[in-house]
Amino acid sequence: MARSCAICGKVSMDGFNAQSSGMNRVRAHRRFNVNLQQTTIQQNGKSVKTLVCTRCQRTMSREAR
């Protein structure tokens, strides 16, 4: 199973590292990882530990206020 957010399903992305000098601009492959944090959330009245991205974590804390 891929590392993904339990709420929104966000997963890592592929991209390139930019080269700053040289005539032949060779691009190196890299991966942009999701900032996942283990968080306890309520699902069906039970506390469950899941991996949640920080964007969803922030949204959940705003809804609680």
PDB file of N, CA and C in Angstrom:
ATOM      1  N   MET A   1       0.844  -1.188   0.000  1.00  0.00           N
ATOM      2  CA  MET A   1       0.000   0.000   0.000  1.00  0.00           C
ATOM      3  C   MET A   1       0.881   1.241   0.000  1.00  0.00           C
ATOM      4  N   ALA A   2       0.562   2.194  -0.855  1.00  0.00           N
ATOM      5  CA  ALA A   2       1.336   3.427  -0.931  1.00  0.00           C
ATOM      6  C   ALA A   2       1.043   4.311   0.272  1.00  0.00           C
ATOM      7  N   ARG A   3       2.043   5.114   0.644  1.00  0.00           N
ATOM      8  CA  ARG A   3       1.823   6.051   1.751  1.00  0.00           C
ATOM      9  C   ARG A   3       0.937   7.175   1.237  1.00  0.00           C
ATOM     10  N   SER A   4      -0.255   7.268   1.795  1.00  0.00           N
ATOM     11  CA  SER A   4      -1.196   8.280   1.355  1.00  0.00           C
ATOM     12  C   SER A   4      -2.000   8.774   2.545  1.00  0.00           C
ATOM     13  N   CYS A   5      -2.601   9.939   2.392  1.00  0.00           N
ATOM     14  CA  CYS A   5      -3.433  10.518   3.440  1.00  0.00           C
ATOM     15  C   CYS A   5      -4.724   9.715   3.560  1.00  0.00           C
ATOM     16  N   ALA A   6      -5.124   9.410   4.790  1.00  0.00           N
ATOM     17  CA  ALA A   6      -6.330   8.615   5.023  1.00  0.00           C
ATOM     18  C   ALA A   6      -7.595   9.413   4.726  1.00  0.00           C
ATOM     19  N   ILE A   7      -7.498  10.755   4.691  1.00  0.00           N
ATOM     20  CA  ILE A   7      -8.688  11.583   4.501  1.00  0.00           C
ATOM     21  C   ILE A   7      -8.852  11.992   3.034  1.00  0.00           C
ATOM     22  N   CYS A   8      -7.816  12.615   2.461  1.00  0.00           N
ATOM     23  CA  CYS A   8      -7.947  13.139   1.096  1.00  0.00           C
ATOM     24  C   CYS A   8      -7.300  12.252   0.043  1.00  0.00           C
ATOM     25  N   GLY A   9      -6.461  11.286   0.459  1.00  0.00           N
ATOM     26  CA  GLY A   9      -5.844  10.381  -0.497  1.00  0.00           C
ATOM     27  C   GLY A   9      -4.632  10.946  -1.213  1.00  0.00           C
ATOM     28  N   LYS A  10      -4.077  12.038  -0.702  1.00  0.00           N
ATOM     29  CA  LYS A  10      -2.905  12.661  -1.329  1.00  0.00           C
ATOM     30  C   LYS A  10      -1.713  11.711  -1.285  1.00  0.00           C
ATOM     31  N   VAL A  11      -0.984  11.585  -2.413  1.00  0.00           N
ATOM     32  CA  VAL A  11       0.188  10.713  -2.511  1.00  0.00           C
ATOM     33  C   VAL A  11       1.369  11.522  -3.034  1.00  0.00           C
ATOM     34  N   SER A  12       2.561  10.903  -3.015  1.00  0.00           N
ATOM     35  CA  SER A  12       3.763  11.596  -3.459  1.00  0.00           C
ATOM     36  C   SER A  12       3.727  11.830  -4.978  1.00  0.00           C
ATOM     37  N   MET A  13       4.493  12.844  -5.415  1.00  0.00           N
ATOM     38  CA  MET A  13       4.562  13.226  -6.822  1.00  0.00           C
ATOM     39  C   MET A  13       5.984  13.083  -7.334  1.00  0.00           C
ATOM     40  N   ASP A  14       6.137  12.833  -8.636  1.00  0.00           N
ATOM     41  CA  ASP A  14       7.452  12.808  -9.262  1.00  0.00           C
ATOM     42  C   ASP A  14       7.744  14.165  -9.861  1.00  0.00           C
ATOM     43  N   GLY A  15       9.047  14.477  -9.969  1.00  0.00           N
ATOM     44  CA  GLY A  15       9.459  15.738 -10.559  1.00  0.00           C
ATOM     45  C   GLY A  15      10.924  15.688 -10.923  1.00  0.00           C
ATOM     46  N   PHE A  16      11.505  16.857 -11.124  1.00  0.00           N
ATOM     47  CA  PHE A  16      12.897  16.963 -11.521  1.00  0.00           C
ATOM     48  C   PHE A  16      13.615  17.974 -10.647  1.00  0.00           C
ATOM     49  N   ASN A  17      14.912  17.720 -10.372  1.00  0.00           N
ATOM     50  CA  ASN A  17      15.765  18.717  -9.758  1.00  0.00           C
ATOM     51  C   ASN A  17      16.279  19.621 -10.863  1.00  0.00           C
ATOM     52  N   ALA A  18      16.167  20.918 -10.685  1.00  0.00           N
ATOM     53  CA  ALA A  18      16.673  21.855 -11.682  1.00  0.00           C
ATOM     54  C   ALA A  18      18.177  21.970 -11.565  1.00  0.00           C
ATOM     55  N   GLN A  19      18.871  22.023 -12.705  1.00  0.00           N
ATOM     56  CA  GLN A  19      20.308  22.223 -12.698  1.00  0.00           C
ATOM     57  C   GLN A  19      20.565  23.706 -12.907  1.00  0.00           C
ATOM     58  N   SER A  20      21.469  24.269 -12.105  1.00  0.00           N
ATOM     59  CA  SER A  20      21.656  25.713 -12.139  1.00  0.00           C
ATOM     60  C   SER A  20      22.723  26.158 -13.119  1.00  0.00           C
ATOM     61  N   SER A  21      23.609  25.266 -13.564  1.00  0.00           N
ATOM     62  CA  SER A  21      24.675  25.704 -14.466  1.00  0.00           C
ATOM     63  C   SER A  21      24.933  24.654 -15.529  1.00  0.00           C
ATOM     64  N   GLY A  22      25.578  25.072 -16.608  1.00  0.00           N
ATOM     65  CA  GLY A  22      25.964  24.142 -17.666  1.00  0.00           C
ATOM     66  C   GLY A  22      25.098  24.300 -18.900  1.00  0.00           C
ATOM     67  N   MET A  23      25.672  23.887 -20.019  1.00  0.00           N
ATOM     68  CA  MET A  23      24.958  23.987 -21.291  1.00  0.00           C
ATOM     69  C   MET A  23      23.894  22.905 -21.404  1.00  0.00           C
ATOM     70  N   ASN A  24      24.263  21.673 -21.066  1.00  0.00           N
ATOM     71  CA  ASN A  24      23.320  20.566 -21.160  1.00  0.00           C
ATOM     72  C   ASN A  24      22.563  20.459 -19.842  1.00  0.00           C
ATOM     73  N   ARG A  25      21.381  20.937 -19.831  1.00  0.00           N
ATOM     74  CA  ARG A  25      20.593  20.973 -18.593  1.00  0.00           C
ATOM     75  C   ARG A  25      19.996  19.598 -18.330  1.00  0.00           C
ATOM     76  N   VAL A  26      20.796  18.729 -17.732  1.00  0.00           N
ATOM     77  CA  VAL A  26      20.350  17.378 -17.410  1.00  0.00           C
ATOM     78  C   VAL A  26      19.480  17.454 -16.165  1.00  0.00           C
ATOM     79  N   ARG A  27      18.301  16.891 -16.257  1.00  0.00           N
ATOM     80  CA  ARG A  27      17.382  16.925 -15.134  1.00  0.00           C
ATOM     81  C   ARG A  27      17.485  15.621 -14.364  1.00  0.00           C
ATOM     82  N   ALA A  28      17.628  15.720 -13.058  1.00  0.00           N
ATOM     83  CA  ALA A  28      17.686  14.536 -12.208  1.00  0.00           C
ATOM     84  C   ALA A  28      16.296  14.282 -11.628  1.00  0.00           C
ATOM     85  N   HIS A  29      15.861  13.044 -11.679  1.00  0.00           N
ATOM     86  CA  HIS A  29      14.549  12.695 -11.145  1.00  0.00           C
ATOM     87  C   HIS A  29      14.549  12.806  -9.623  1.00  0.00           C
ATOM     88  N   ARG A  30      13.442  13.231  -9.074  1.00  0.00           N
ATOM     89  CA  ARG A  30      13.269  13.289  -7.630  1.00  0.00           C
ATOM     90  C   ARG A  30      11.814  13.037  -7.289  1.00  0.00           C
ATOM     91  N   ARG A  31      11.533  12.854  -6.014  1.00  0.00           N
ATOM     92  CA  ARG A  31      10.172  12.598  -5.565  1.00  0.00           C
ATOM     93  C   ARG A  31       9.791  13.636  -4.521  1.00  0.00           C
ATOM     94  N   PHE A  32       8.617  14.217  -4.678  1.00  0.00           N
ATOM     95  CA  PHE A  32       8.067  15.156  -3.710  1.00  0.00           C
ATOM     96  C   PHE A  32       7.155  14.358  -2.783  1.00  0.00           C
ATOM     97  N   ASN A  33       7.597  14.131  -1.548  1.00  0.00           N
ATOM     98  CA  ASN A  33       6.833  13.313  -0.609  1.00  0.00           C
ATOM     99  C   ASN A  33       5.771  14.140   0.106  1.00  0.00           C
ATOM    100  N   VAL A  34       4.716  13.465   0.503  1.00  0.00           N
ATOM    101  CA  VAL A  34       3.631  14.078   1.255  1.00  0.00           C
ATOM    102  C   VAL A  34       4.057  14.172   2.715  1.00  0.00           C
ATOM    103  N   ASN A  35       3.718  15.277   3.386  1.00  0.00           N
ATOM    104  CA  ASN A  35       4.038  15.443   4.795  1.00  0.00           C
ATOM    105  C   ASN A  35       2.944  14.758   5.617  1.00  0.00           C
ATOM    106  N   LEU A  36       3.167  13.465   5.904  1.00  0.00           N
ATOM    107  CA  LEU A  36       2.184  12.670   6.637  1.00  0.00           C
ATOM    108  C   LEU A  36       2.581  12.570   8.099  1.00  0.00           C
ATOM    109  N   GLN A  37       1.609  12.706   8.974  1.00  0.00           N
ATOM    110  CA  GLN A  37       1.814  12.598  10.408  1.00  0.00           C
ATOM    111  C   GLN A  37       0.817  11.576  10.948  1.00  0.00           C
ATOM    112  N   GLN A  38       1.264  10.765  11.908  1.00  0.00           N
ATOM    113  CA  GLN A  38       0.347   9.813  12.518  1.00  0.00           C
ATOM    114  C   GLN A  38      -0.546  10.556  13.502  1.00  0.00           C
ATOM    115  N   THR A  39      -1.847  10.460  13.299  1.00  0.00           N
ATOM    116  CA  THR A  39      -2.820  11.217  14.080  1.00  0.00           C
ATOM    117  C   THR A  39      -3.949  10.294  14.513  1.00  0.00           C
ATOM    118  N   THR A  40      -4.496  10.559  15.667  1.00  0.00           N
ATOM    119  CA  THR A  40      -5.660   9.817  16.144  1.00  0.00           C
ATOM    120  C   THR A  40      -6.914  10.579  15.736  1.00  0.00           C
ATOM    121  N   ILE A  41      -7.777   9.920  14.970  1.00  0.00           N
ATOM    122  CA  ILE A  41      -9.028  10.545  14.539  1.00  0.00           C
ATOM    123  C   ILE A  41     -10.188   9.655  14.969  1.00  0.00           C
ATOM    124  N   GLN A  42     -11.393  10.230  14.992  1.00  0.00           N
ATOM    125  CA  GLN A  42     -12.604   9.507  15.370  1.00  0.00           C
ATOM    126  C   GLN A  42     -13.295   8.991  14.114  1.00  0.00           C
ATOM    127  N   GLN A  43     -13.459   7.670  14.022  1.00  0.00           N
ATOM    128  CA  GLN A  43     -14.206   7.064  12.918  1.00  0.00           C
ATOM    129  C   GLN A  43     -15.239   6.119  13.503  1.00  0.00           C
ATOM    130  N   ASN A  44     -16.495   6.374  13.237  1.00  0.00           N
ATOM    131  CA  ASN A  44     -17.610   5.555  13.735  1.00  0.00           C
ATOM    132  C   ASN A  44     -17.578   5.405  15.252  1.00  0.00           C
ATOM    133  N   GLY A  45     -17.219   6.494  15.936  1.00  0.00           N
ATOM    134  CA  GLY A  45     -17.206   6.490  17.392  1.00  0.00           C
ATOM    135  C   GLY A  45     -15.999   5.828  18.018  1.00  0.00           C
ATOM    136  N   LYS A  46     -15.013   5.417  17.196  1.00  0.00           N
ATOM    137  CA  LYS A  46     -13.811   4.776  17.719  1.00  0.00           C
ATOM    138  C   LYS A  46     -12.601   5.639  17.394  1.00  0.00           C
ATOM    139  N   SER A  47     -11.608   5.601  18.281  1.00  0.00           N
ATOM    140  CA  SER A  47     -10.355   6.312  18.025  1.00  0.00           C
ATOM    141  C   SER A  47      -9.445   5.411  17.194  1.00  0.00           C
ATOM    142  N   VAL A  48      -8.978   5.954  16.049  1.00  0.00           N
ATOM    143  CA  VAL A  48      -8.151   5.179  15.131  1.00  0.00           C
ATOM    144  C   VAL A  48      -6.899   5.982  14.807  1.00  0.00           C
ATOM    145  N   LYS A  49      -5.720   5.335  14.876  1.00  0.00           N
ATOM    146  CA  LYS A  49      -4.478   5.993  14.478  1.00  0.00           C
ATOM    147  C   LYS A  49      -4.302   5.832  12.971  1.00  0.00           C
ATOM    148  N   THR A  50      -4.185   6.943  12.265  1.00  0.00           N
ATOM    149  CA  THR A  50      -4.012   6.904  10.815  1.00  0.00           C
ATOM    150  C   THR A  50      -2.969   7.927  10.393  1.00  0.00           C
ATOM    151  N   LEU A  51      -2.482   7.799   9.153  1.00  0.00           N
ATOM    152  CA  LEU A  51      -1.581   8.782   8.575  1.00  0.00           C
ATOM    153  C   LEU A  51      -2.414   9.853   7.887  1.00  0.00           C
ATOM    154  N   VAL A  52      -2.215  11.108   8.296  1.00  0.00           N
ATOM    155  CA  VAL A  52      -2.987  12.230   7.774  1.00  0.00           C
ATOM    156  C   VAL A  52      -2.008  13.307   7.323  1.00  0.00           C
ATOM    157  N   CYS A  53      -2.257  13.922   6.173  1.00  0.00           N
ATOM    158  CA  CYS A  53      -1.384  14.996   5.713  1.00  0.00           C
ATOM    159  C   CYS A  53      -1.623  16.242   6.576  1.00  0.00           C
ATOM    160  N   THR A  54      -0.640  17.109   6.615  1.00  0.00           N
ATOM    161  CA  THR A  54      -0.712  18.266   7.499  1.00  0.00           C
ATOM    162  C   THR A  54      -1.809  19.237   7.064  1.00  0.00           C
ATOM    163  N   ARG A  55      -2.158  19.266   5.803  1.00  0.00           N
ATOM    164  CA  ARG A  55      -3.242  20.129   5.337  1.00  0.00           C
ATOM    165  C   ARG A  55      -4.576  19.677   5.927  1.00  0.00           C
ATOM    166  N   CYS A  56      -4.822  18.382   5.928  1.00  0.00           N
ATOM    167  CA  CYS A  56      -6.060  17.856   6.512  1.00  0.00           C
ATOM    168  C   CYS A  56      -6.061  18.013   8.027  1.00  0.00           C
ATOM    169  N   GLN A  57      -4.887  17.860   8.637  1.00  0.00           N
ATOM    170  CA  GLN A  57      -4.757  18.041  10.084  1.00  0.00           C
ATOM    171  C   GLN A  57      -5.136  19.468  10.458  1.00  0.00           C
ATOM    172  N   ARG A  58      -4.669  20.423   9.671  1.00  0.00           N
ATOM    173  CA  ARG A  58      -4.961  21.838   9.910  1.00  0.00           C
ATOM    174  C   ARG A  58      -6.455  22.116   9.746  1.00  0.00           C
ATOM    175  N   THR A  59      -7.057  21.517   8.721  1.00  0.00           N
ATOM    176  CA  THR A  59      -8.487  21.704   8.483  1.00  0.00           C
ATOM    177  C   THR A  59      -9.306  21.136   9.638  1.00  0.00           C
ATOM    178  N   MET A  60      -8.907  19.949  10.128  1.00  0.00           N
ATOM    179  CA  MET A  60      -9.625  19.338  11.253  1.00  0.00           C
ATOM    180  C   MET A  60      -9.533  20.186  12.509  1.00  0.00           C
ATOM    181  N   SER A  61      -8.374  20.808  12.752  1.00  0.00           N
ATOM    182  CA  SER A  61      -8.229  21.636  13.956  1.00  0.00           C
ATOM    183  C   SER A  61      -9.051  22.915  13.841  1.00  0.00           C
ATOM    184  N   ARG A  62      -9.205  23.436  12.625  1.00  0.00           N
ATOM    185  CA  ARG A  62     -10.041  24.635  12.430  1.00  0.00           C
ATOM    186  C   ARG A  62     -11.511  24.327  12.610  1.00  0.00           C
ATOM    187  N   GLU A  63     -11.953  23.134  12.200  1.00  0.00           N
ATOM    188  CA  GLU A  63     -13.355  22.758  12.356  1.00  0.00           C
ATOM    189  C   GLU A  63     -13.703  22.523  13.817  1.00  0.00           C
ATOM    190  N   ALA A  64     -12.721  22.142  14.621  1.00  0.00           N
ATOM    191  CA  ALA A  64     -12.961  21.879  16.031  1.00  0.00           C
ATOM    192  C   ALA A  64     -13.215  23.160  16.825  1.00  0.00           C
ATOM    193  N   ARG A  65     -12.722  24.281  16.322  1.00  0.00           N
ATOM    194  CA  ARG A  65     -12.908  25.555  17.047  1.00  0.00           C
ATOM    195  C   ARG A  65     -14.304  26.070  16.962  1.00  0.00           C
TER     196      ARG A  65
END
